[in-house]
């Protein structure tokens, strides 16, 4: 969408910078309130580098994309 090749359905939390800087625009509503989501993986793979990278990214998204439990 940023390259002018289409549209995207995105979480506002993930694209706030792009909207503010004009790289993306919101042509219409509605804006839907986000709901929590779950990152689920086998307990035995908790320390897998790929899973850890995804988990760290999700937890680090500005605006609190999710909360950590367990």
PDB file of N, CA and C in Angstrom:
ATOM      1  N   UNK A   1       0.823  -1.189   0.000  1.00  0.00           N
ATOM      2  CA  UNK A   1       0.000   0.000   0.000  1.00  0.00           C
ATOM      3  C   UNK A   1       0.872   1.260   0.000  1.00  0.00           C
ATOM      4  N   UNK A   2       1.982   1.218   0.733  1.00  0.00           N
ATOM      5  CA  UNK A   2       2.862   2.387   0.781  1.00  0.00           C
ATOM      6  C   UNK A   2       3.426   2.683  -0.606  1.00  0.00           C
ATOM      7  N   UNK A   3       3.669   1.663  -1.391  1.00  0.00           N
ATOM      8  CA  UNK A   3       4.215   1.845  -2.731  1.00  0.00           C
ATOM      9  C   UNK A   3       3.168   2.186  -3.775  1.00  0.00           C
ATOM     10  N   UNK A   4       1.921   2.434  -3.344  1.00  0.00           N
ATOM     11  CA  UNK A   4       0.868   2.795  -4.290  1.00  0.00           C
ATOM     12  C   UNK A   4       0.308   1.626  -5.070  1.00  0.00           C
ATOM     13  N   UNK A   5       0.480   0.418  -4.566  1.00  0.00           N
ATOM     14  CA  UNK A   5       0.047  -0.768  -5.285  1.00  0.00           C
ATOM     15  C   UNK A   5      -1.241  -1.378  -4.767  1.00  0.00           C
ATOM     16  N   UNK A   6      -1.953  -0.706  -3.872  1.00  0.00           N
ATOM     17  CA  UNK A   6      -3.191  -1.286  -3.377  1.00  0.00           C
ATOM     18  C   UNK A   6      -3.582  -0.734  -2.030  1.00  0.00           C
ATOM     19  N   UNK A   7      -4.373  -1.522  -1.339  1.00  0.00           N
ATOM     20  CA  UNK A   7      -4.878  -1.137  -0.023  1.00  0.00           C
ATOM     21  C   UNK A   7      -4.470  -2.181   1.001  1.00  0.00           C
ATOM     22  N   UNK A   8      -4.566  -1.813   2.268  1.00  0.00           N
ATOM     23  CA  UNK A   8      -4.226  -2.745   3.340  1.00  0.00           C
ATOM     24  C   UNK A   8      -5.209  -2.559   4.487  1.00  0.00           C
ATOM     25  N   UNK A   9      -5.576  -3.636   5.113  1.00  0.00           N
ATOM     26  CA  UNK A   9      -6.346  -3.609   6.352  1.00  0.00           C
ATOM     27  C   UNK A   9      -5.342  -3.836   7.460  1.00  0.00           C
ATOM     28  N   UNK A  10      -5.152  -2.818   8.299  1.00  0.00           N
ATOM     29  CA  UNK A  10      -4.084  -2.883   9.284  1.00  0.00           C
ATOM     30  C   UNK A  10      -4.555  -2.400  10.639  1.00  0.00           C
ATOM     31  N   UNK A  11      -3.852  -2.818  11.647  1.00  0.00           N
ATOM     32  CA  UNK A  11      -4.032  -2.274  12.979  1.00  0.00           C
ATOM     33  C   UNK A  11      -3.435  -0.873  12.996  1.00  0.00           C
ATOM     34  N   UNK A  12      -4.200   0.103  13.471  1.00  0.00           N
ATOM     35  CA  UNK A  12      -3.687   1.477  13.544  1.00  0.00           C
ATOM     36  C   UNK A  12      -2.425   1.554  14.374  1.00  0.00           C
ATOM     37  N   UNK A  13      -2.338   0.724  15.390  1.00  0.00           N
ATOM     38  CA  UNK A  13      -1.153   0.735  16.251  1.00  0.00           C
ATOM     39  C   UNK A  13       0.112   0.423  15.462  1.00  0.00           C
ATOM     40  N   UNK A  14      -0.012  -0.376  14.425  1.00  0.00           N
ATOM     41  CA  UNK A  14       1.160  -0.747  13.648  1.00  0.00           C
ATOM     42  C   UNK A  14       1.539   0.296  12.614  1.00  0.00           C
ATOM     43  N   UNK A  15       0.618   1.188  12.243  1.00  0.00           N
ATOM     44  CA  UNK A  15       0.892   2.133  11.163  1.00  0.00           C
ATOM     45  C   UNK A  15       0.752   3.596  11.569  1.00  0.00           C
ATOM     46  N   UNK A  16       0.731   3.893  12.854  1.00  0.00           N
ATOM     47  CA  UNK A  16       0.590   5.276  13.316  1.00  0.00           C
ATOM     48  C   UNK A  16       1.632   6.201  12.699  1.00  0.00           C
ATOM     49  N   UNK A  17       2.887   5.767  12.657  1.00  0.00           N
ATOM     50  CA  UNK A  17       3.942   6.619  12.088  1.00  0.00           C
ATOM     51  C   UNK A  17       3.677   6.909  10.616  1.00  0.00           C
ATOM     52  N   UNK A  18       3.285   5.894   9.856  1.00  0.00           N
ATOM     53  CA  UNK A  18       3.032   6.074   8.429  1.00  0.00           C
ATOM     54  C   UNK A  18       1.863   7.017   8.188  1.00  0.00           C
ATOM     55  N   UNK A  19       0.822   6.924   9.007  1.00  0.00           N
ATOM     56  CA  UNK A  19      -0.324   7.838   8.878  1.00  0.00           C
ATOM     57  C   UNK A  19       0.094   9.268   9.218  1.00  0.00           C
ATOM     58  N   UNK A  20       0.804   9.436  10.307  1.00  0.00           N
ATOM     59  CA  UNK A  20       1.219  10.764  10.761  1.00  0.00           C
ATOM     60  C   UNK A  20       2.134  11.430   9.742  1.00  0.00           C
ATOM     61  N   UNK A  21       3.011  10.653   9.106  1.00  0.00           N
ATOM     62  CA  UNK A  21       3.981  11.206   8.163  1.00  0.00           C
ATOM     63  C   UNK A  21       3.454  11.260   6.729  1.00  0.00           C
ATOM     64  N   UNK A  22       2.191  10.810   6.520  1.00  0.00           N
ATOM     65  CA  UNK A  22       1.576  10.908   5.204  1.00  0.00           C
ATOM     66  C   UNK A  22       1.951   9.825   4.213  1.00  0.00           C
ATOM     67  N   UNK A  23       2.647   8.795   4.658  1.00  0.00           N
ATOM     68  CA  UNK A  23       2.993   7.701   3.748  1.00  0.00           C
ATOM     69  C   UNK A  23       1.803   6.808   3.469  1.00  0.00           C
ATOM     70  N   UNK A  24       0.844   6.792   4.394  1.00  0.00           N
ATOM     71  CA  UNK A  24      -0.429   6.091   4.208  1.00  0.00           C
ATOM     72  C   UNK A  24      -1.552   7.048   4.558  1.00  0.00           C
ATOM     73  N   UNK A  25      -2.742   6.759   4.038  1.00  0.00           N
ATOM     74  CA  UNK A  25      -3.913   7.542   4.404  1.00  0.00           C
ATOM     75  C   UNK A  25      -5.069   6.592   4.687  1.00  0.00           C
ATOM     76  N   UNK A  26      -5.971   7.041   5.523  1.00  0.00           N
ATOM     77  CA  UNK A  26      -7.158   6.254   5.833  1.00  0.00           C
ATOM     78  C   UNK A  26      -8.308   6.883   5.051  1.00  0.00           C
ATOM     79  N   UNK A  27      -8.723   6.253   3.933  1.00  0.00           N
ATOM     80  CA  UNK A  27      -9.730   6.868   3.077  1.00  0.00           C
ATOM     81  C   UNK A  27     -11.156   6.805   3.626  1.00  0.00           C
ATOM     82  N   UNK A  28     -11.413   5.894   4.535  1.00  0.00           N
ATOM     83  CA  UNK A  28     -12.759   5.757   5.092  1.00  0.00           C
ATOM     84  C   UNK A  28     -12.701   4.949   6.373  1.00  0.00           C
ATOM     85  N   UNK A  29     -13.789   4.950   7.116  1.00  0.00           N
ATOM     86  CA  UNK A  29     -13.894   4.200   8.357  1.00  0.00           C
ATOM     87  C   UNK A  29     -14.638   2.918   8.111  1.00  0.00           C
ATOM     88  N   UNK A  30     -15.038   2.248   9.119  1.00  0.00           N
ATOM     89  CA  UNK A  30     -14.920   2.647  10.510  1.00  0.00           C
ATOM     90  C   UNK A  30     -13.577   2.221  11.087  1.00  0.00           C
ATOM     91  N   UNK A  31     -13.238   2.851  12.176  1.00  0.00           N
ATOM     92  CA  UNK A  31     -12.095   2.401  12.955  1.00  0.00           C
ATOM     93  C   UNK A  31     -12.647   1.449  13.996  1.00  0.00           C
ATOM     94  N   UNK A  32     -12.182   0.228  13.971  1.00  0.00           N
ATOM     95  CA  UNK A  32     -12.672  -0.771  14.924  1.00  0.00           C
ATOM     96  C   UNK A  32     -11.699  -0.892  16.073  1.00  0.00           C
ATOM     97  N   UNK A  33     -12.229  -1.006  17.263  1.00  0.00           N
ATOM     98  CA  UNK A  33     -11.390  -1.194  18.439  1.00  0.00           C
ATOM     99  C   UNK A  33     -10.682  -2.537  18.341  1.00  0.00           C
ATOM    100  N   UNK A  34      -9.408  -2.521  18.673  1.00  0.00           N
ATOM    101  CA  UNK A  34      -8.632  -3.752  18.631  1.00  0.00           C
ATOM    102  C   UNK A  34      -9.015  -4.692  19.756  1.00  0.00           C
ATOM    103  N   UNK A  35      -8.892  -5.926  19.503  1.00  0.00           N
ATOM    104  CA  UNK A  35      -9.115  -6.964  20.502  1.00  0.00           C
ATOM    105  C   UNK A  35      -7.793  -7.666  20.758  1.00  0.00           C
ATOM    106  N   UNK A  36      -7.599  -8.180  21.951  1.00  0.00           N
ATOM    107  CA  UNK A  36      -6.340  -8.883  22.222  1.00  0.00           C
ATOM    108  C   UNK A  36      -6.184 -10.100  21.310  1.00  0.00           C
ATOM    109  N   UNK A  37      -4.964 -10.429  21.026  1.00  0.00           N
ATOM    110  CA  UNK A  37      -4.715 -11.667  20.311  1.00  0.00           C
ATOM    111  C   UNK A  37      -3.684 -12.467  21.086  1.00  0.00           C
ATOM    112  N   UNK A  38      -3.516 -13.700  20.688  1.00  0.00           N
ATOM    113  CA  UNK A  38      -2.649 -14.604  21.418  1.00  0.00           C
ATOM    114  C   UNK A  38      -1.548 -15.115  20.506  1.00  0.00           C
ATOM    115  N   UNK A  39      -0.349 -15.142  21.003  1.00  0.00           N
ATOM    116  CA  UNK A  39       0.770 -15.769  20.327  1.00  0.00           C
ATOM    117  C   UNK A  39       0.957 -17.108  21.017  1.00  0.00           C
ATOM    118  N   UNK A  40       0.707 -18.170  20.294  1.00  0.00           N
ATOM    119  CA  UNK A  40       0.706 -19.513  20.888  1.00  0.00           C
ATOM    120  C   UNK A  40       1.814 -20.345  20.239  1.00  0.00           C
ATOM    121  N   UNK A  41       2.564 -21.016  21.067  1.00  0.00           N
ATOM    122  CA  UNK A  41       3.639 -21.877  20.578  1.00  0.00           C
ATOM    123  C   UNK A  41       3.882 -22.964  21.618  1.00  0.00           C
ATOM    124  N   UNK A  42       4.487 -24.089  21.204  1.00  0.00           N
ATOM    125  CA  UNK A  42       4.758 -25.163  22.158  1.00  0.00           C
ATOM    126  C   UNK A  42       5.728 -24.697  23.240  1.00  0.00           C
ATOM    127  N   UNK A  43       5.459 -25.055  24.469  1.00  0.00           N
ATOM    128  CA  UNK A  43       6.306 -24.661  25.602  1.00  0.00           C
ATOM    129  C   UNK A  43       7.766 -25.053  25.363  1.00  0.00           C
ATOM    130  N   UNK A  44       7.976 -26.189  24.739  1.00  0.00           N
ATOM    131  CA  UNK A  44       9.334 -26.656  24.484  1.00  0.00           C
ATOM    132  C   UNK A  44      10.113 -25.789  23.507  1.00  0.00           C
ATOM    133  N   UNK A  45       9.420 -24.914  22.763  1.00  0.00           N
ATOM    134  CA  UNK A  45      10.098 -24.033  21.801  1.00  0.00           C
ATOM    135  C   UNK A  45      10.174 -22.595  22.299  1.00  0.00           C
ATOM    136  N   UNK A  46       9.889 -22.389  23.573  1.00  0.00           N
ATOM    137  CA  UNK A  46       9.879 -21.039  24.152  1.00  0.00           C
ATOM    138  C   UNK A  46      11.165 -20.263  23.870  1.00  0.00           C
ATOM    139  N   UNK A  47      12.307 -20.933  23.887  1.00  0.00           N
ATOM    140  CA  UNK A  47      13.588 -20.262  23.685  1.00  0.00           C
ATOM    141  C   UNK A  47      14.109 -20.362  22.254  1.00  0.00           C
ATOM    142  N   UNK A  48      13.287 -20.868  21.345  1.00  0.00           N
ATOM    143  CA  UNK A  48      13.662 -20.919  19.927  1.00  0.00           C
ATOM    144  C   UNK A  48      13.911 -19.487  19.443  1.00  0.00           C
ATOM    145  N   UNK A  49      15.035 -19.214  18.782  1.00  0.00           N
ATOM    146  CA  UNK A  49      15.355 -17.843  18.381  1.00  0.00           C
ATOM    147  C   UNK A  49      14.286 -17.189  17.497  1.00  0.00           C
ATOM    148  N   UNK A  50      13.666 -17.952  16.614  1.00  0.00           N
ATOM    149  CA  UNK A  50      12.635 -17.382  15.744  1.00  0.00           C
ATOM    150  C   UNK A  50      11.406 -16.992  16.556  1.00  0.00           C
ATOM    151  N   UNK A  51      10.965 -17.867  17.434  1.00  0.00           N
ATOM    152  CA  UNK A  51       9.798 -17.567  18.270  1.00  0.00           C
ATOM    153  C   UNK A  51      10.116 -16.409  19.203  1.00  0.00           C
ATOM    154  N   UNK A  52      11.302 -16.396  19.761  1.00  0.00           N
ATOM    155  CA  UNK A  52      11.690 -15.292  20.647  1.00  0.00           C
ATOM    156  C   UNK A  52      11.691 -13.963  19.893  1.00  0.00           C
ATOM    157  N   UNK A  53      12.173 -13.956  18.659  1.00  0.00           N
ATOM    158  CA  UNK A  53      12.194 -12.718  17.867  1.00  0.00           C
ATOM    159  C   UNK A  53      10.783 -12.202  17.611  1.00  0.00           C
ATOM    160  N   UNK A  54       9.870 -13.087  17.245  1.00  0.00           N
ATOM    161  CA  UNK A  54       8.479 -12.679  17.006  1.00  0.00           C
ATOM    162  C   UNK A  54       7.845 -12.197  18.308  1.00  0.00           C
ATOM    163  N   UNK A  55       8.050 -12.931  19.383  1.00  0.00           N
ATOM    164  CA  UNK A  55       7.490 -12.557  20.680  1.00  0.00           C
ATOM    165  C   UNK A  55       8.010 -11.186  21.122  1.00  0.00           C
ATOM    166  N   UNK A  56       9.307 -10.964  20.988  1.00  0.00           N
ATOM    167  CA  UNK A  56       9.888  -9.674  21.374  1.00  0.00           C
ATOM    168  C   UNK A  56       9.327  -8.536  20.531  1.00  0.00           C
ATOM    169  N   UNK A  57       9.127  -8.787  19.221  1.00  0.00           N
ATOM    170  CA  UNK A  57       8.575  -7.759  18.338  1.00  0.00           C
ATOM    171  C   UNK A  57       7.134  -7.419  18.748  1.00  0.00           C
ATOM    172  N   UNK A  58       6.312  -8.440  18.953  1.00  0.00           N
ATOM    173  CA  UNK A  58       4.906  -8.214  19.315  1.00  0.00           C
ATOM    174  C   UNK A  58       4.808  -7.443  20.633  1.00  0.00           C
ATOM    175  N   UNK A  59       5.585  -7.827  21.611  1.00  0.00           N
ATOM    176  CA  UNK A  59       5.545  -7.170  22.915  1.00  0.00           C
ATOM    177  C   UNK A  59       6.072  -5.739  22.820  1.00  0.00           C
ATOM    178  N   UNK A  60       7.013  -5.492  21.905  1.00  0.00           N
ATOM    179  CA  UNK A  60       7.628  -4.178  21.798  1.00  0.00           C
ATOM    180  C   UNK A  60       6.899  -3.170  20.934  1.00  0.00           C
ATOM    181  N   UNK A  61       5.793  -3.551  20.287  1.00  0.00           N
ATOM    182  CA  UNK A  61       5.069  -2.617  19.420  1.00  0.00           C
ATOM    183  C   UNK A  61       4.538  -1.457  20.258  1.00  0.00           C
ATOM    184  N   UNK A  62       4.850  -0.228  19.859  1.00  0.00           N
ATOM    185  CA  UNK A  62       4.340   0.925  20.608  1.00  0.00           C
ATOM    186  C   UNK A  62       2.823   0.914  20.678  1.00  0.00           C
ATOM    187  N   UNK A  63       2.300   1.334  21.796  1.00  0.00           N
ATOM    188  CA  UNK A  63       0.849   1.390  21.952  1.00  0.00           C
ATOM    189  C   UNK A  63       0.266   0.139  22.562  1.00  0.00           C
ATOM    190  N   UNK A  64       1.105  -0.841  22.872  1.00  0.00           N
ATOM    191  CA  UNK A  64       0.603  -2.012  23.579  1.00  0.00           C
ATOM    192  C   UNK A  64      -0.271  -2.921  22.741  1.00  0.00           C
ATOM    193  N   UNK A  65       0.281  -3.477  21.673  1.00  0.00           N
ATOM    194  CA  UNK A  65      -0.460  -4.389  20.811  1.00  0.00           C
ATOM    195  C   UNK A  65      -0.986  -5.588  21.595  1.00  0.00           C
ATOM    196  N   UNK A  66      -0.252  -5.994  22.607  1.00  0.00           N
ATOM    197  CA  UNK A  66      -0.714  -7.107  23.428  1.00  0.00           C
ATOM    198  C   UNK A  66      -0.117  -6.982  24.816  1.00  0.00           C
ATOM    199  N   UNK A  67      -0.605  -7.792  25.701  1.00  0.00           N
ATOM    200  CA  UNK A  67      -0.019  -7.858  27.035  1.00  0.00           C
ATOM    201  C   UNK A  67       0.476  -9.270  27.266  1.00  0.00           C
ATOM    202  N   UNK A  68       1.450  -9.394  28.113  1.00  0.00           N
ATOM    203  CA  UNK A  68       2.069 -10.678  28.385  1.00  0.00           C
ATOM    204  C   UNK A  68       1.424 -11.302  29.612  1.00  0.00           C
ATOM    205  N   UNK A  69       1.063 -12.579  29.480  1.00  0.00           N
ATOM    206  CA  UNK A  69       0.525 -13.334  30.618  1.00  0.00           C
ATOM    207  C   UNK A  69       1.312 -14.623  30.747  1.00  0.00           C
ATOM    208  N   UNK A  70       1.174 -15.272  31.868  1.00  0.00           N
ATOM    209  CA  UNK A  70       1.764 -16.576  32.055  1.00  0.00           C
ATOM    210  C   UNK A  70       3.169 -16.498  32.431  1.00  0.00           C
TER     211      UNK A  70
END
